[in-house]
């Protein structure tokens, strides 16, 4: 039981960490790179400003 809870906690922690990192990186992209991935500056700011726990 404890091992399963620990495993779920670690998986969630990894997901949160990845979201945080990805969103911070998104905020550093210039307009040319954002255009390459199909996002506007507004889209990037909206996504990059989300807290890590929000999907």
Protein backbone atom coordinates (compact mmCIF):
# COMPACT_ATOMS: atom_id res chain seq x y z
CA UNK A 1 0.00 0.00 0.00
CA UNK A 2 2.75 2.47 0.95
CA UNK A 3 4.76 1.57 -2.11
CA UNK A 4 1.80 2.22 -4.38
CA UNK A 5 1.20 5.63 -2.77
CA UNK A 6 4.87 6.51 -3.06
CA UNK A 7 4.85 5.47 -6.69
CA UNK A 8 1.81 7.66 -7.44
CA UNK A 9 3.40 10.57 -5.58
CA UNK A 10 6.63 10.25 -7.57
CA UNK A 11 4.74 10.05 -10.86
CA UNK A 12 2.74 13.17 -10.01
CA UNK A 13 5.87 14.98 -8.85
CA UNK A 14 7.57 14.15 -12.16
CA UNK A 15 4.57 15.42 -14.12
CA UNK A 16 4.50 18.68 -12.15
CA UNK A 17 8.23 19.17 -12.60
CA UNK A 18 7.97 18.61 -16.36
CA UNK A 19 5.05 21.03 -16.68
CA UNK A 20 6.96 23.70 -14.76
CA UNK A 21 10.06 23.29 -16.89
CA UNK A 22 8.16 23.19 -20.20
CA UNK A 23 6.10 26.26 -19.39
CA UNK A 24 9.17 28.26 -18.37
CA UNK A 25 10.95 27.25 -21.58
CA UNK A 26 7.93 28.25 -23.64
CA UNK A 27 8.17 31.77 -22.23
CA UNK A 28 11.74 32.09 -23.51
CA UNK A 29 10.95 31.35 -27.16
CA UNK A 30 11.02 34.22 -29.64
CA UNK A 31 8.17 34.94 -32.04
CA UNK A 32 9.83 33.08 -34.91
CA UNK A 33 10.11 29.87 -32.89
CA UNK A 34 6.58 30.24 -31.57
CA UNK A 35 5.33 30.58 -35.13
CA UNK A 36 7.21 27.38 -36.05
CA UNK A 37 5.26 25.44 -33.43
CA UNK A 38 1.97 27.16 -34.27
CA UNK A 39 1.60 29.39 -31.22
CA UNK A 40 1.14 33.11 -30.84
CA UNK A 41 2.84 35.16 -28.14
CA UNK A 42 -0.56 35.37 -26.40
CA UNK A 43 -0.92 31.58 -26.44
CA UNK A 44 2.58 31.17 -25.03
CA UNK A 45 1.96 33.70 -22.27
CA UNK A 46 -1.35 32.07 -21.37
CA UNK A 47 0.18 28.59 -21.16
CA UNK A 48 3.43 29.73 -19.57
CA UNK A 49 1.59 31.59 -16.82
CA UNK A 50 -0.38 28.57 -15.65
CA UNK A 51 0.61 27.06 -12.31
CA UNK A 52 2.31 23.67 -12.60
CA UNK A 53 -0.62 21.83 -11.05
CA UNK A 54 -3.11 23.04 -13.70
CA UNK A 55 -3.60 20.92 -16.79
